[in-house]
């Protein structure tokens, strides 16, 4: 097994659900206007945000903007969905080599996001 296959295996074996506490903390941060996203040219991975309608977005980011995100109309639905997810379920392991494990939402990324020193972008770069 090469290094890439080993990394994908590790992502696939991390099946522990994020749970309601982490899901609530992530949602709290999104409600404060923080964006969980990488922003660079081309494919930026998966991201999360809350839009001006107070809907929650999850989806691919391309060139710093969402591309057809999944939209959750309210906090409760988003928290319920996120609480049931895991690093494995969001690792995109069935989406082809380019997307598998590429800038995905993982437990580590969520924990980094809820940390007090996570940077807040000063502008809104998404449109839905």
Protein backbone atom coordinates (compact mmCIF):
# COMPACT_ATOMS: atom_id res chain seq x y z
CA UNK A 1 0.00 0.00 0.00
CA UNK A 2 1.51 3.35 -1.03
CA UNK A 3 1.29 6.57 0.99
CA UNK A 4 -1.80 7.84 -0.89
CA UNK A 5 -3.68 4.56 -0.45
CA UNK A 6 -2.70 4.50 3.21
CA UNK A 7 -4.06 8.04 3.71
CA UNK A 8 -7.36 7.10 2.04
CA UNK A 9 -7.58 3.96 4.16
CA UNK A 10 -7.08 6.08 7.29
CA UNK A 11 -9.85 8.49 6.21
CA UNK A 12 -12.17 5.58 5.43
CA UNK A 13 -11.62 3.97 8.82
CA UNK A 14 -12.52 7.15 10.76
CA UNK A 15 -16.23 6.35 11.08
CA UNK A 16 -16.98 7.90 14.49
CA UNK A 17 -19.90 10.31 14.03
CA UNK A 18 -19.10 13.96 14.78
CA UNK A 19 -22.04 14.04 17.22
CA UNK A 20 -24.37 16.83 18.34
CA UNK A 21 -21.86 18.77 20.47
CA UNK A 22 -19.33 19.30 17.67
CA UNK A 23 -22.15 19.90 15.16
CA UNK A 24 -23.59 22.62 17.43
CA UNK A 25 -20.18 24.25 17.89
CA UNK A 26 -19.54 24.32 14.14
CA UNK A 27 -23.00 25.76 13.50
CA UNK A 28 -22.49 28.42 16.18
CA UNK A 29 -19.31 29.52 14.41
CA UNK A 30 -21.06 29.61 11.02
CA UNK A 31 -23.80 31.76 12.54
CA UNK A 32 -21.13 34.24 13.65
CA UNK A 33 -20.22 34.74 10.00
CA UNK A 34 -17.20 32.45 9.80
CA UNK A 35 -16.67 30.48 6.61
CA UNK A 36 -15.22 26.99 6.58
CA UNK A 37 -13.46 27.15 3.26
CA UNK A 38 -10.19 27.27 1.44
CA UNK A 39 -10.05 30.07 -1.09
CA UNK A 40 -7.64 29.80 -3.99
CA UNK A 41 -7.70 29.15 -7.70
CA UNK A 42 -9.53 26.14 -9.15
CA UNK A 43 -10.80 23.39 -6.82
CA UNK A 44 -10.76 24.52 -3.16
CA UNK A 45 -12.31 21.42 -1.62
CA UNK A 46 -15.46 21.20 0.44
CA UNK A 47 -16.78 24.08 2.49
CA UNK A 48 -19.53 25.22 4.83
CA UNK A 49 -21.18 28.60 5.38
CA UNK A 50 -24.39 30.33 6.37
CA UNK A 51 -25.89 32.65 3.76
CA UNK A 52 -27.87 35.89 4.19
CA UNK A 53 -31.13 33.86 4.33
CA UNK A 54 -29.72 31.99 7.36
CA UNK A 55 -29.55 28.79 5.32
CA UNK A 56 -26.58 26.49 5.83
CA UNK A 57 -24.48 25.46 2.85
CA UNK A 58 -22.24 22.45 2.29
CA UNK A 59 -20.54 21.79 -0.99
CA UNK A 60 -17.65 22.08 -3.39
CA UNK A 61 -15.76 25.36 -3.56
CA UNK A 62 -14.26 26.37 -6.90
CA UNK A 63 -12.25 29.57 -7.29
CA UNK A 64 -13.42 30.65 -3.83
CA UNK A 65 -17.17 30.19 -4.45
CA UNK A 66 -19.71 27.44 -3.85
CA UNK A 67 -20.67 25.34 -6.85
CA UNK A 68 -24.21 24.01 -6.36
CA UNK A 69 -24.05 23.49 -2.58
CA UNK A 70 -26.42 21.36 -0.60
CA UNK A 71 -28.69 23.81 1.23
CA UNK A 72 -30.13 23.20 4.68
CA UNK A 73 -33.03 25.61 5.32
CA UNK A 74 -32.47 25.87 9.06
CA UNK A 75 -30.07 25.24 11.90
CA UNK A 76 -31.83 22.15 13.25
CA UNK A 77 -31.64 20.28 9.94
CA UNK A 78 -27.99 21.19 9.44
CA UNK A 79 -26.99 20.18 12.98
CA UNK A 80 -28.89 16.88 12.71
CA UNK A 81 -27.17 16.09 9.40
CA UNK A 82 -23.67 17.13 10.52
CA UNK A 83 -23.98 15.23 13.83
CA UNK A 84 -24.48 11.99 11.87
CA UNK A 85 -21.48 12.54 9.57
CA UNK A 86 -17.90 11.38 10.11
CA UNK A 87 -14.55 11.95 8.48
CA UNK A 88 -15.20 8.78 6.49
CA UNK A 89 -18.66 9.80 5.28
CA UNK A 90 -17.39 13.20 4.10
CA UNK A 91 -14.06 11.98 2.65
CA UNK A 92 -15.55 11.58 -0.87
CA UNK A 93 -13.90 8.18 -1.22
CA UNK A 94 -16.31 7.12 -3.98
CA UNK A 95 -15.99 10.31 -6.04
CA UNK A 96 -12.87 9.46 -8.03
CA UNK A 97 -9.17 9.92 -7.43
CA UNK A 98 -9.13 13.71 -7.76
CA UNK A 99 -11.82 14.27 -5.10
CA UNK A 100 -11.05 11.39 -2.70
CA UNK A 101 -9.62 12.92 0.46
CA UNK A 102 -8.89 16.20 -1.35
CA UNK A 103 -9.55 19.18 0.97
CA UNK A 104 -12.52 17.43 2.58
CA UNK A 105 -14.36 18.19 5.80
CA UNK A 106 -12.77 16.04 8.52
CA UNK A 107 -13.00 15.97 12.30
CA UNK A 108 -9.61 17.71 12.48
CA UNK A 109 -10.74 20.45 10.13
CA UNK A 110 -13.91 21.00 12.18
CA UNK A 111 -11.92 21.14 15.42
CA UNK A 112 -9.54 23.66 13.85
CA UNK A 113 -12.56 25.68 12.69
CA UNK A 114 -14.12 25.98 16.16
CA UNK A 115 -10.81 27.04 17.76
CA UNK A 116 -10.80 30.65 19.04
CA UNK A 117 -7.94 31.67 16.74
CA UNK A 118 -9.59 30.55 13.47
CA UNK A 119 -9.39 33.48 11.01
CA UNK A 120 -12.56 35.27 9.95
CA UNK A 121 -12.79 36.43 6.37
CA UNK A 122 -13.82 40.08 6.03
CA UNK A 123 -15.81 39.59 2.86
CA UNK A 124 -18.57 37.35 1.55
CA UNK A 125 -17.45 35.54 -1.58
CA UNK A 126 -20.30 33.13 -2.18
CA UNK A 127 -23.61 33.51 -3.92
CA UNK A 128 -26.56 31.16 -3.90
